[in-house]
Amino acid sequence: MIAAAFARLRGWEGLLLALLVVIVVVNMAHSPYYLGVGNIINLFQLEIEKIIVALMMTLIIINGEIDLSVASVMGMSACVMAWSFRAGVPLPWAMLAAMASGVAAGLINGFWIAYVGLPSLAVTLAGLIGYRGVARILVQDRAIGDYPGWFNALGQQGLVGPLTLSIIIFLAMFAVLGLVLHGAALGRLVYVIGNNLQAARYSGVRVRRVKMTLFVASAVVAALAGLLYAARLGSVRGDMAQGFELDIITIVLLGGVSIFGGSGNLLGVGLSILVILNLRNGMGLADITGNTQTSVIGALLILSVLAPNIAQAIHIRWKGRET
């Protein structure tokens, strides 16, 4: 395991680590507040819902699929909770209804992708539009707030020292999914299906069940992230989390996960998370506008897709010269 980790650091993960070091050094030089405990916690807290969803997106993309609907599921689940609470449903039951809406979204996505055989790009793009439509129908253009203090505290106050519930969930998910992806049978099946779908079917792998499990889990995690986001903001609108899918997919692809499936690991995604969080934090401390930050993240998305392919082409050409 240790030897494999060092081997990875000589590849794409090593480049991410070097980039992270450069970003940290530049941020330290530009702001005396960068290494403060409050800023480090804030660094995670402002993007925590995205990186929670990115962990499940890692498994989806390694499996050779994609889920463009996650941000809309986040918004829909928060709006289901807000609408139910406004209608007089006790908040704990409203939260359960929100999680149930996530399960329903995952079952819908999984059914059309795993059992009907439609492309995940088309299905989840339709989900992106449809689930967002449900959110807007439920709350329209209103902002619904005035939740109990204990709910807002879930997203705004430290649960263990300065660590909020969202950060604790992220750390726990990173550990669990790392074990699942790199040490459990389900993780091996995720890679096998992503590498060669037809070969996996001929080998007796229950492809449909694996894909359904992944898409339900993706939507449930997105629904949970939507509730955490609502707790952090203290109010809910129909456009909550709109556009988050760009950052989420960027995190995964920049981490070295192939858009075509079959390769990637959580080590790279973890480094990618640190790179993007520190980059955004540094730009924020430098008073760089949100639009510029979004442009930089978009450029990273392009880089994350092109760079591995360019590196592979250079490697093949170099090997050809040697022979």
C-alpha atoms as a PDB file:
ATOM      1  CA  MET A   1       0.000   0.000   0.000  1.00  0.00           C
ATOM      2  CA  ILE A   2       2.780   2.460   0.940  1.00  0.00           C
ATOM      3  CA  ALA A   3       4.791   1.561  -2.172  1.00  0.00           C
ATOM      4  CA  ALA A   4       1.697   2.090  -4.331  1.00  0.00           C
ATOM      5  CA  ALA A   5       1.095   5.489  -2.746  1.00  0.00           C
ATOM      6  CA  PHE A   6       4.650   6.594  -3.510  1.00  0.00           C
ATOM      7  CA  ALA A   7       4.309   5.291  -7.070  1.00  0.00           C
ATOM      8  CA  ARG A   8       1.196   7.429  -7.555  1.00  0.00           C
ATOM      9  CA  LEU A   9       3.029  10.499  -6.259  1.00  0.00           C
ATOM     10  CA  ARG A  10       5.441  10.131  -9.178  1.00  0.00           C
ATOM     11  CA  GLY A  11       2.543  10.560 -11.582  1.00  0.00           C
ATOM     12  CA  TRP A  12      -0.484  12.870 -11.774  1.00  0.00           C
ATOM     13  CA  GLU A  13      -0.872  12.962  -8.013  1.00  0.00           C
ATOM     14  CA  GLY A  14       2.721  14.193  -7.718  1.00  0.00           C
ATOM     15  CA  LEU A  15       1.915  17.091 -10.042  1.00  0.00           C
ATOM     16  CA  LEU A  16      -1.130  17.957  -7.935  1.00  0.00           C
ATOM     17  CA  LEU A  17       0.972  17.860  -4.775  1.00  0.00           C
ATOM     18  CA  ALA A  18       3.552  20.190  -6.353  1.00  0.00           C
ATOM     19  CA  LEU A  19       0.782  22.548  -7.500  1.00  0.00           C
ATOM     20  CA  LEU A  20      -0.718  22.526  -4.002  1.00  0.00           C
ATOM     21  CA  VAL A  21       2.641  23.453  -2.456  1.00  0.00           C
ATOM     22  CA  VAL A  22       3.015  26.368  -4.890  1.00  0.00           C
ATOM     23  CA  ILE A  23      -0.498  27.647  -4.130  1.00  0.00           C
ATOM     24  CA  VAL A  24       0.058  27.400  -0.370  1.00  0.00           C
ATOM     25  CA  VAL A  25       3.382  29.265  -0.587  1.00  0.00           C
ATOM     26  CA  VAL A  26       1.844  32.038  -2.715  1.00  0.00           C
ATOM     27  CA  ASN A  27      -1.130  32.366  -0.357  1.00  0.00           C
ATOM     28  CA  MET A  28       1.170  32.562   2.666  1.00  0.00           C
ATOM     29  CA  ALA A  29       3.162  35.317   0.985  1.00  0.00           C
ATOM     30  CA  HIS A  30       0.065  37.368   0.154  1.00  0.00           C
ATOM     31  CA  SER A  31      -1.903  37.100   3.400  1.00  0.00           C
ATOM     32  CA  PRO A  32      -0.830  36.875   7.060  1.00  0.00           C
ATOM     33  CA  TYR A  33      -4.259  35.400   7.901  1.00  0.00           C
ATOM     34  CA  TYR A  34      -3.975  32.410   5.564  1.00  0.00           C
ATOM     35  CA  LEU A  35      -2.641  29.917   8.129  1.00  0.00           C
ATOM     36  CA  GLY A  36      -5.041  31.002  10.859  1.00  0.00           C
ATOM     37  CA  VAL A  37      -7.261  28.256  12.272  1.00  0.00           C
ATOM     38  CA  GLY A  38     -10.380  30.259  11.436  1.00  0.00           C
ATOM     39  CA  ASN A  39      -9.335  30.657   7.800  1.00  0.00           C
ATOM     40  CA  ILE A  40      -8.440  26.966   7.428  1.00  0.00           C
ATOM     41  CA  ILE A  41     -11.848  25.915   8.806  1.00  0.00           C
ATOM     42  CA  ASN A  42     -13.510  28.527   6.616  1.00  0.00           C
ATOM     43  CA  LEU A  43     -11.565  27.183   3.632  1.00  0.00           C
ATOM     44  CA  PHE A  44     -13.398  23.860   3.961  1.00  0.00           C
ATOM     45  CA  GLN A  45     -16.716  25.155   5.244  1.00  0.00           C
ATOM     46  CA  LEU A  46     -17.477  27.421   2.277  1.00  0.00           C
ATOM     47  CA  GLU A  47     -17.157  24.524  -0.210  1.00  0.00           C
ATOM     48  CA  ILE A  48     -17.967  21.567   2.027  1.00  0.00           C
ATOM     49  CA  GLU A  49     -21.227  20.530   0.348  1.00  0.00           C
ATOM     50  CA  LYS A  50     -19.528  20.356  -3.061  1.00  0.00           C
ATOM     51  CA  ILE A  51     -16.664  18.191  -1.882  1.00  0.00           C
ATOM     52  CA  ILE A  52     -19.029  15.818  -0.072  1.00  0.00           C
ATOM     53  CA  VAL A  53     -20.899  15.231  -3.356  1.00  0.00           C
ATOM     54  CA  ALA A  54     -17.589  14.997  -5.256  1.00  0.00           C
ATOM     55  CA  LEU A  55     -16.646  11.890  -3.253  1.00  0.00           C
ATOM     56  CA  MET A  56     -19.611   9.925  -4.619  1.00  0.00           C
ATOM     57  CA  MET A  57     -19.124  11.463  -8.061  1.00  0.00           C
ATOM     58  CA  THR A  58     -15.671   9.850  -8.046  1.00  0.00           C
ATOM     59  CA  LEU A  59     -17.222   6.374  -7.961  1.00  0.00           C
ATOM     60  CA  ILE A  60     -19.792   7.324 -10.601  1.00  0.00           C
ATOM     61  CA  ILE A  61     -17.163   8.514 -13.093  1.00  0.00           C
ATOM     62  CA  ILE A  62     -14.763   5.610 -12.420  1.00  0.00           C
ATOM     63  CA  ASN A  63     -17.744   3.393 -13.222  1.00  0.00           C
ATOM     64  CA  GLY A  64     -17.895   4.995 -16.677  1.00  0.00           C
ATOM     65  CA  GLU A  65     -20.953   7.171 -15.986  1.00  0.00           C
ATOM     66  CA  ILE A  66     -21.688  10.753 -14.955  1.00  0.00           C
ATOM     67  CA  ASP A  67     -24.342  12.426 -12.814  1.00  0.00           C
ATOM     68  CA  LEU A  68     -25.150  15.974 -13.896  1.00  0.00           C
ATOM     69  CA  SER A  69     -28.234  16.125 -11.677  1.00  0.00           C
ATOM     70  CA  VAL A  70     -26.495  16.254  -8.283  1.00  0.00           C
ATOM     71  CA  ALA A  71     -26.733  20.030  -7.808  1.00  0.00           C
ATOM     72  CA  SER A  72     -30.414  20.005  -8.762  1.00  0.00           C
ATOM     73  CA  VAL A  73     -31.033  17.158  -6.296  1.00  0.00           C
ATOM     74  CA  MET A  74     -29.345  19.282  -3.626  1.00  0.00           C
ATOM     75  CA  GLY A  75     -31.699  22.155  -4.402  1.00  0.00           C
ATOM     76  CA  MET A  76     -34.756  19.917  -4.659  1.00  0.00           C
ATOM     77  CA  SER A  77     -34.148  18.194  -1.320  1.00  0.00           C
ATOM     78  CA  ALA A  78     -33.708  21.530   0.450  1.00  0.00           C
ATOM     79  CA  CYS A  79     -36.904  22.834  -1.151  1.00  0.00           C
ATOM     80  CA  VAL A  80     -38.851  19.692  -0.190  1.00  0.00           C
ATOM     81  CA  MET A  81     -37.775  20.247   3.393  1.00  0.00           C
ATOM     82  CA  ALA A  82     -38.634  23.978   3.281  1.00  0.00           C
ATOM     83  CA  TRP A  83     -42.033  23.432   1.649  1.00  0.00           C
ATOM     84  CA  SER A  84     -42.948  20.677   4.115  1.00  0.00           C
ATOM     85  CA  PHE A  85     -41.852  22.755   7.099  1.00  0.00           C
ATOM     86  CA  ARG A  86     -43.832  25.764   5.860  1.00  0.00           C
ATOM     87  CA  ALA A  87     -46.883  23.498   5.480  1.00  0.00           C
ATOM     88  CA  GLY A  88     -46.689  22.620   9.183  1.00  0.00           C
ATOM     89  CA  VAL A  89     -44.719  19.357   9.093  1.00  0.00           C
ATOM     90  CA  PRO A  90     -42.289  19.035  12.040  1.00  0.00           C
ATOM     91  CA  LEU A  91     -38.762  19.747  10.818  1.00  0.00           C
ATOM     92  CA  PRO A  92     -37.310  16.254  11.515  1.00  0.00           C
ATOM     93  CA  TRP A  93     -40.067  14.720   9.361  1.00  0.00           C
ATOM     94  CA  ALA A  94     -39.530  17.394   6.715  1.00  0.00           C
ATOM     95  CA  MET A  95     -35.857  16.415   6.630  1.00  0.00           C
ATOM     96  CA  LEU A  96     -36.815  12.766   6.181  1.00  0.00           C
ATOM     97  CA  ALA A  97     -39.070  13.780   3.285  1.00  0.00           C
ATOM     98  CA  ALA A  98     -36.124  15.612   1.745  1.00  0.00           C
ATOM     99  CA  MET A  99     -33.940  12.514   2.007  1.00  0.00           C
ATOM    100  CA  ALA A 100     -36.761  10.427   0.512  1.00  0.00           C
ATOM    101  CA  SER A 101     -36.834  12.790  -2.467  1.00  0.00           C
ATOM    102  CA  GLY A 102     -33.140  12.032  -2.943  1.00  0.00           C
ATOM    103  CA  VAL A 103     -33.829   8.295  -2.901  1.00  0.00           C
ATOM    104  CA  ALA A 104     -36.587   8.792  -5.483  1.00  0.00           C
ATOM    105  CA  ALA A 105     -34.295  10.819  -7.742  1.00  0.00           C
ATOM    106  CA  GLY A 106     -31.601   8.148  -7.497  1.00  0.00           C
ATOM    107  CA  LEU A 107     -34.086   5.375  -8.324  1.00  0.00           C
ATOM    108  CA  ILE A 108     -35.341   7.317 -11.347  1.00  0.00           C
ATOM    109  CA  ASN A 109     -31.818   7.945 -12.631  1.00  0.00           C
ATOM    110  CA  GLY A 110     -30.707   4.395 -11.911  1.00  0.00           C
ATOM    111  CA  PHE A 111     -33.734   2.813 -13.576  1.00  0.00           C
ATOM    112  CA  TRP A 112     -33.283   4.606 -16.897  1.00  0.00           C
ATOM    113  CA  ILE A 113     -29.516   4.138 -16.916  1.00  0.00           C
ATOM    114  CA  ALA A 114     -29.049   0.661 -15.447  1.00  0.00           C
ATOM    115  CA  TYR A 115     -32.199  -1.132 -16.587  1.00  0.00           C
ATOM    116  CA  VAL A 116     -33.345   0.714 -19.720  1.00  0.00           C
ATOM    117  CA  GLY A 117     -29.811   1.377 -20.934  1.00  0.00           C
ATOM    118  CA  LEU A 118     -30.048   5.102 -21.691  1.00  0.00           C
ATOM    119  CA  PRO A 119     -26.822   7.164 -21.525  1.00  0.00           C
ATOM    120  CA  SER A 120     -26.225   8.678 -18.106  1.00  0.00           C
ATOM    121  CA  LEU A 121     -25.313  12.000 -19.730  1.00  0.00           C
ATOM    122  CA  ALA A 122     -28.808  12.328 -21.250  1.00  0.00           C
ATOM    123  CA  VAL A 123     -30.705  10.974 -18.238  1.00  0.00           C
ATOM    124  CA  THR A 124     -28.983  13.122 -15.640  1.00  0.00           C
ATOM    125  CA  LEU A 125     -29.112  16.193 -17.884  1.00  0.00           C
ATOM    126  CA  ALA A 126     -32.877  15.708 -17.950  1.00  0.00           C
ATOM    127  CA  GLY A 127     -32.719  15.289 -14.166  1.00  0.00           C
ATOM    128  CA  LEU A 128     -30.745  18.516 -13.865  1.00  0.00           C
ATOM    129  CA  ILE A 129     -33.648  20.344 -15.519  1.00  0.00           C
ATOM    130  CA  GLY A 130     -36.490  18.331 -13.994  1.00  0.00           C
ATOM    131  CA  TYR A 131     -35.378  18.291 -10.356  1.00  0.00           C
ATOM    132  CA  ARG A 132     -34.592  22.000 -10.517  1.00  0.00           C
ATOM    133  CA  GLY A 133     -38.089  22.543 -11.867  1.00  0.00           C
ATOM    134  CA  VAL A 134     -39.564  20.696  -8.889  1.00  0.00           C
ATOM    135  CA  ALA A 135     -37.547  22.912  -6.539  1.00  0.00           C
ATOM    136  CA  ARG A 136     -38.810  26.093  -8.194  1.00  0.00           C
ATOM    137  CA  ILE A 137     -42.410  24.883  -8.209  1.00  0.00           C
ATOM    138  CA  LEU A 138     -42.269  24.160  -4.471  1.00  0.00           C
ATOM    139  CA  VAL A 139     -40.832  27.479  -3.282  1.00  0.00           C
ATOM    140  CA  GLN A 140     -41.238  29.654  -6.406  1.00  0.00           C
ATOM    141  CA  ASP A 141     -39.195  32.861  -5.977  1.00  0.00           C
ATOM    142  CA  ARG A 142     -39.465  32.968  -2.200  1.00  0.00           C
ATOM    143  CA  ALA A 143     -36.741  32.500   0.377  1.00  0.00           C
ATOM    144  CA  ILE A 144     -37.986  30.260   3.172  1.00  0.00           C
ATOM    145  CA  GLY A 145     -36.214  30.527   6.526  1.00  0.00           C
ATOM    146  CA  ASP A 146     -36.961  30.870  10.252  1.00  0.00           C
ATOM    147  CA  TYR A 147     -35.871  27.332  11.058  1.00  0.00           C
ATOM    148  CA  PRO A 148     -35.232  26.197  14.642  1.00  0.00           C
ATOM    149  CA  GLY A 149     -31.867  27.174  16.065  1.00  0.00           C
ATOM    150  CA  TRP A 150     -30.697  23.576  16.328  1.00  0.00           C
ATOM    151  CA  PHE A 151     -31.078  23.123  12.557  1.00  0.00           C
ATOM    152  CA  ASN A 152     -29.067  26.229  11.669  1.00  0.00           C
ATOM    153  CA  ALA A 153     -26.442  25.162  14.206  1.00  0.00           C
ATOM    154  CA  LEU A 154     -25.850  21.957  12.241  1.00  0.00           C
ATOM    155  CA  GLY A 155     -24.286  23.959   9.446  1.00  0.00           C
ATOM    156  CA  GLN A 156     -22.913  26.964  11.297  1.00  0.00           C
ATOM    157  CA  GLN A 157     -21.456  25.812  14.621  1.00  0.00           C
ATOM    158  CA  GLY A 158     -18.645  23.459  15.558  1.00  0.00           C
ATOM    159  CA  LEU A 159     -19.735  20.016  16.703  1.00  0.00           C
ATOM    160  CA  VAL A 160     -16.294  18.741  17.755  1.00  0.00           C
ATOM    161  CA  GLY A 161     -14.156  21.771  18.544  1.00  0.00           C
ATOM    162  CA  PRO A 162     -14.177  23.977  15.435  1.00  0.00           C
ATOM    163  CA  LEU A 163     -15.267  21.090  13.183  1.00  0.00           C
ATOM    164  CA  THR A 164     -18.848  21.394  11.931  1.00  0.00           C
ATOM    165  CA  LEU A 165     -21.104  18.432  11.226  1.00  0.00           C
ATOM    166  CA  SER A 166     -20.481  18.873   7.475  1.00  0.00           C
ATOM    167  CA  ILE A 167     -16.704  18.593   7.849  1.00  0.00           C
ATOM    168  CA  ILE A 168     -17.035  15.535  10.093  1.00  0.00           C
ATOM    169  CA  ILE A 169     -19.322  13.871   7.514  1.00  0.00           C
ATOM    170  CA  PHE A 170     -16.803  14.646   4.764  1.00  0.00           C
ATOM    171  CA  LEU A 171     -13.893  13.137   6.703  1.00  0.00           C
ATOM    172  CA  ALA A 172     -15.925  10.021   7.561  1.00  0.00           C
ATOM    173  CA  MET A 173     -17.091   9.607   3.958  1.00  0.00           C
ATOM    174  CA  PHE A 174     -13.552  10.015   2.619  1.00  0.00           C
ATOM    175  CA  ALA A 175     -12.326   7.217   4.911  1.00  0.00           C
ATOM    176  CA  VAL A 176     -15.266   4.880   4.206  1.00  0.00           C
ATOM    177  CA  LEU A 177     -15.309   5.389   0.434  1.00  0.00           C
ATOM    178  CA  GLY A 178     -11.538   4.993   0.346  1.00  0.00           C
ATOM    179  CA  LEU A 179     -11.925   1.579   1.940  1.00  0.00           C
ATOM    180  CA  VAL A 180     -14.825   0.656  -0.362  1.00  0.00           C
ATOM    181  CA  LEU A 181     -13.139   1.808  -3.564  1.00  0.00           C
ATOM    182  CA  HIS A 182      -9.676   0.420  -2.874  1.00  0.00           C
ATOM    183  CA  GLY A 183     -10.305  -2.515  -0.571  1.00  0.00           C
ATOM    184  CA  ALA A 184     -13.810  -3.920  -1.018  1.00  0.00           C
ATOM    185  CA  ALA A 185     -15.520  -6.085  -3.626  1.00  0.00           C
ATOM    186  CA  LEU A 186     -17.851  -3.266  -4.675  1.00  0.00           C
ATOM    187  CA  GLY A 187     -14.863  -1.053  -5.415  1.00  0.00           C
ATOM    188  CA  ARG A 188     -13.309  -3.719  -7.651  1.00  0.00           C
ATOM    189  CA  LEU A 189     -16.592  -4.066  -9.519  1.00  0.00           C
ATOM    190  CA  VAL A 190     -16.753  -0.295 -10.022  1.00  0.00           C
ATOM    191  CA  TYR A 191     -13.351  -0.408 -11.742  1.00  0.00           C
ATOM    192  CA  VAL A 192     -14.124  -3.558 -13.740  1.00  0.00           C
ATOM    193  CA  ILE A 193     -17.353  -2.123 -15.163  1.00  0.00           C
ATOM    194  CA  GLY A 194     -15.678   1.191 -15.920  1.00  0.00           C
ATOM    195  CA  ASN A 195     -12.834  -0.541 -17.756  1.00  0.00           C
ATOM    196  CA  ASN A 196     -14.955  -2.834 -19.934  1.00  0.00           C
ATOM    197  CA  LEU A 197     -18.716  -2.980 -19.529  1.00  0.00           C
ATOM    198  CA  GLN A 198     -19.301  -5.910 -21.875  1.00  0.00           C
ATOM    199  CA  ALA A 199     -16.523  -7.997 -20.357  1.00  0.00           C
ATOM    200  CA  ALA A 200     -17.990  -7.365 -16.916  1.00  0.00           C
ATOM    201  CA  ARG A 201     -21.400  -8.596 -18.098  1.00  0.00           C
ATOM    202  CA  TYR A 202     -19.936 -11.742 -19.682  1.00  0.00           C
ATOM    203  CA  SER A 203     -18.049 -12.409 -16.448  1.00  0.00           C
ATOM    204  CA  GLY A 204     -21.300 -12.525 -14.500  1.00  0.00           C
ATOM    205  CA  VAL A 205     -20.970  -9.154 -12.776  1.00  0.00           C
ATOM    206  CA  ARG A 206     -24.361  -7.762 -11.770  1.00  0.00           C
ATOM    207  CA  VAL A 207     -23.827  -4.563 -13.687  1.00  0.00           C
ATOM    208  CA  ARG A 208     -27.365  -3.275 -13.263  1.00  0.00           C
ATOM    209  CA  ARG A 209     -27.298  -3.683  -9.506  1.00  0.00           C
ATOM    210  CA  VAL A 210     -23.942  -1.920  -9.175  1.00  0.00           C
ATOM    211  CA  LYS A 211     -25.048   1.024 -11.315  1.00  0.00           C
ATOM    212  CA  MET A 212     -28.363   1.344  -9.505  1.00  0.00           C
ATOM    213  CA  THR A 213     -26.555   1.301  -6.147  1.00  0.00           C
ATOM    214  CA  LEU A 214     -24.173   4.036  -7.264  1.00  0.00           C
ATOM    215  CA  PHE A 215     -26.853   6.368  -8.609  1.00  0.00           C
ATOM    216  CA  VAL A 216     -29.085   5.966  -5.563  1.00  0.00           C
ATOM    217  CA  ALA A 217     -26.110   6.607  -3.295  1.00  0.00           C
ATOM    218  CA  SER A 218     -25.123   9.646  -5.372  1.00  0.00           C
ATOM    219  CA  ALA A 219     -28.593  11.174  -5.073  1.00  0.00           C
ATOM    220  CA  VAL A 220     -28.869  10.400  -1.344  1.00  0.00           C
ATOM    221  CA  VAL A 221     -25.508  12.056  -0.680  1.00  0.00           C
ATOM    222  CA  ALA A 222     -26.600  15.042  -2.799  1.00  0.00           C
ATOM    223  CA  ALA A 223     -29.849  15.303  -0.808  1.00  0.00           C
ATOM    224  CA  LEU A 224     -27.885  15.228   2.448  1.00  0.00           C
ATOM    225  CA  ALA A 225     -25.549  17.915   1.102  1.00  0.00           C
ATOM    226  CA  GLY A 226     -28.601  20.009   0.203  1.00  0.00           C
ATOM    227  CA  LEU A 227     -29.839  19.878   3.800  1.00  0.00           C
ATOM    228  CA  LEU A 228     -26.390  20.769   5.120  1.00  0.00           C
ATOM    229  CA  TYR A 229     -26.244  23.692   2.695  1.00  0.00           C
ATOM    230  CA  ALA A 230     -29.661  24.901   3.851  1.00  0.00           C
ATOM    231  CA  ALA A 231     -28.531  24.682   7.479  1.00  0.00           C
ATOM    232  CA  ARG A 232     -25.390  26.694   6.700  1.00  0.00           C
ATOM    233  CA  LEU A 233     -27.303  29.430   4.861  1.00  0.00           C
ATOM    234  CA  GLY A 234     -30.304  29.463   7.182  1.00  0.00           C
ATOM    235  CA  SER A 235     -32.754  29.823   4.281  1.00  0.00           C
ATOM    236  CA  VAL A 236     -33.847  27.987   1.132  1.00  0.00           C
ATOM    237  CA  ARG A 237     -34.453  29.239  -2.419  1.00  0.00           C
ATOM    238  CA  GLY A 238     -35.335  27.438  -5.627  1.00  0.00           C
ATOM    239  CA  ASP A 239     -31.952  28.259  -7.179  1.00  0.00           C
ATOM    240  CA  MET A 240     -29.904  26.781  -4.337  1.00  0.00           C
ATOM    241  CA  ALA A 241     -26.696  25.036  -5.472  1.00  0.00           C
ATOM    242  CA  GLN A 242     -27.318  26.024  -9.098  1.00  0.00           C
ATOM    243  CA  GLY A 243     -24.140  25.474 -11.141  1.00  0.00           C
ATOM    244  CA  PHE A 244     -22.421  23.415  -8.432  1.00  0.00           C
ATOM    245  CA  GLU A 245     -22.060  20.484 -10.841  1.00  0.00           C
ATOM    246  CA  LEU A 246     -19.241  22.359 -12.651  1.00  0.00           C
ATOM    247  CA  ASP A 247     -17.080  22.546  -9.523  1.00  0.00           C
ATOM    248  CA  ILE A 248     -17.952  18.988  -8.472  1.00  0.00           C
ATOM    249  CA  ILE A 249     -16.965  17.434 -11.806  1.00  0.00           C
ATOM    250  CA  THR A 250     -13.852  19.613 -11.972  1.00  0.00           C
ATOM    251  CA  ILE A 251     -12.698  18.316  -8.583  1.00  0.00           C
ATOM    252  CA  VAL A 252     -13.041  14.697  -9.719  1.00  0.00           C
ATOM    253  CA  LEU A 253     -11.443  15.080 -13.144  1.00  0.00           C
ATOM    254  CA  LEU A 254      -8.602  17.252 -11.857  1.00  0.00           C
ATOM    255  CA  GLY A 255      -7.937  14.442  -9.378  1.00  0.00           C
ATOM    256  CA  GLY A 256      -6.908  12.204 -12.274  1.00  0.00           C
ATOM    257  CA  VAL A 257     -10.150  10.255 -12.673  1.00  0.00           C
ATOM    258  CA  SER A 258     -10.643   9.439 -16.351  1.00  0.00           C
ATOM    259  CA  ILE A 259     -13.803  10.858 -17.905  1.00  0.00           C
ATOM    260  CA  PHE A 260     -14.037   7.558 -19.815  1.00  0.00           C
ATOM    261  CA  GLY A 261     -14.076   5.505 -16.609  1.00  0.00           C
ATOM    262  CA  GLY A 262     -11.957   2.666 -15.290  1.00  0.00           C
ATOM    263  CA  SER A 263      -9.162   4.652 -13.643  1.00  0.00           C
ATOM    264  CA  GLY A 264      -8.601   7.084 -10.811  1.00  0.00           C
ATOM    265  CA  ASN A 265      -8.341   7.021  -7.029  1.00  0.00           C
ATOM    266  CA  LEU A 266      -9.401   8.969  -3.950  1.00  0.00           C
ATOM    267  CA  LEU A 267      -5.830  10.082  -3.223  1.00  0.00           C
ATOM    268  CA  GLY A 268      -5.844  12.181  -6.398  1.00  0.00           C
ATOM    269  CA  VAL A 269      -9.339  13.490  -5.670  1.00  0.00           C
ATOM    270  CA  GLY A 270      -8.281  14.421  -2.135  1.00  0.00           C
ATOM    271  CA  LEU A 271      -5.313  16.389  -3.498  1.00  0.00           C
ATOM    272  CA  SER A 272      -7.588  17.991  -6.093  1.00  0.00           C
ATOM    273  CA  ILE A 273      -9.952  19.099  -3.314  1.00  0.00           C
ATOM    274  CA  LEU A 274      -7.068  20.734  -1.460  1.00  0.00           C
ATOM    275  CA  VAL A 275      -5.813  22.426  -4.643  1.00  0.00           C
ATOM    276  CA  ILE A 276      -9.208  23.920  -5.518  1.00  0.00           C
ATOM    277  CA  LEU A 277     -10.083  24.916  -1.945  1.00  0.00           C
ATOM    278  CA  ASN A 278      -6.735  26.646  -1.426  1.00  0.00           C
ATOM    279  CA  LEU A 279      -6.909  28.267  -4.858  1.00  0.00           C
ATOM    280  CA  ARG A 280     -10.381  29.677  -4.210  1.00  0.00           C
ATOM    281  CA  ASN A 281      -9.382  30.753  -0.713  1.00  0.00           C
ATOM    282  CA  GLY A 282      -6.299  32.539  -1.989  1.00  0.00           C
ATOM    283  CA  MET A 283      -8.270  34.320  -4.689  1.00  0.00           C
ATOM    284  CA  GLY A 284     -10.840  35.341  -2.085  1.00  0.00           C
ATOM    285  CA  LEU A 285      -8.171  36.743   0.219  1.00  0.00           C
ATOM    286  CA  ALA A 286      -6.788  38.654  -2.788  1.00  0.00           C
ATOM    287  CA  ASP A 287     -10.265  40.159  -3.419  1.00  0.00           C
ATOM    288  CA  ILE A 288     -10.600  38.463  -6.815  1.00  0.00           C
ATOM    289  CA  THR A 289     -14.235  38.515  -7.958  1.00  0.00           C
ATOM    290  CA  GLY A 290     -16.464  35.452  -8.043  1.00  0.00           C
ATOM    291  CA  ASN A 291     -16.773  35.554 -11.835  1.00  0.00           C
ATOM    292  CA  THR A 292     -13.002  35.419 -12.207  1.00  0.00           C
ATOM    293  CA  GLN A 293     -12.825  32.556  -9.739  1.00  0.00           C
ATOM    294  CA  THR A 294     -15.423  30.659 -11.780  1.00  0.00           C
ATOM    295  CA  SER A 295     -13.383  31.266 -14.952  1.00  0.00           C
ATOM    296  CA  VAL A 296     -10.281  29.835 -13.272  1.00  0.00           C
ATOM    297  CA  ILE A 297     -12.221  26.753 -12.162  1.00  0.00           C
ATOM    298  CA  GLY A 298     -13.539  26.342 -15.718  1.00  0.00           C
ATOM    299  CA  ALA A 299      -9.962  26.510 -17.034  1.00  0.00           C
ATOM    300  CA  LEU A 300      -9.003  23.811 -14.523  1.00  0.00           C
ATOM    301  CA  LEU A 301     -11.825  21.638 -15.849  1.00  0.00           C
ATOM    302  CA  ILE A 302     -10.427  21.908 -19.380  1.00  0.00           C
ATOM    303  CA  LEU A 303      -6.908  21.241 -18.066  1.00  0.00           C
ATOM    304  CA  SER A 304      -8.064  18.196 -16.108  1.00  0.00           C
ATOM    305  CA  VAL A 305      -9.511  16.632 -19.269  1.00  0.00           C
ATOM    306  CA  LEU A 306      -6.741  17.567 -21.699  1.00  0.00           C
ATOM    307  CA  ALA A 307      -3.583  17.227 -19.609  1.00  0.00           C
ATOM    308  CA  PRO A 308      -3.727  13.446 -18.912  1.00  0.00           C
ATOM    309  CA  ASN A 309      -4.394  12.746 -22.602  1.00  0.00           C
ATOM    310  CA  ILE A 310      -1.522  15.005 -23.692  1.00  0.00           C
ATOM    311  CA  ALA A 311       0.793  13.392 -21.137  1.00  0.00           C
ATOM    312  CA  GLN A 312      -0.172   9.917 -22.376  1.00  0.00           C
ATOM    313  CA  ALA A 313       0.448  10.911 -25.993  1.00  0.00           C
ATOM    314  CA  ILE A 314       3.882  12.309 -25.087  1.00  0.00           C
ATOM    315  CA  HIS A 315       4.691   9.134 -23.152  1.00  0.00           C
ATOM    316  CA  ILE A 316       3.709   6.896 -26.095  1.00  0.00           C
ATOM    317  CA  ARG A 317       5.746   8.998 -28.527  1.00  0.00           C
ATOM    318  CA  TRP A 318       8.772   8.955 -26.207  1.00  0.00           C
ATOM    319  CA  LYS A 319       8.553   5.165 -25.877  1.00  0.00           C
ATOM    320  CA  GLY A 320       8.341   4.896 -29.655  1.00  0.00           C
ATOM    321  CA  ARG A 321      11.591   6.804 -30.041  1.00  0.00           C
ATOM    322  CA  GLU A 322      13.315   4.555 -27.537  1.00  0.00           C
ATOM    323  CA  THR A 323      12.345   1.445 -29.482  1.00  0.00           C
END
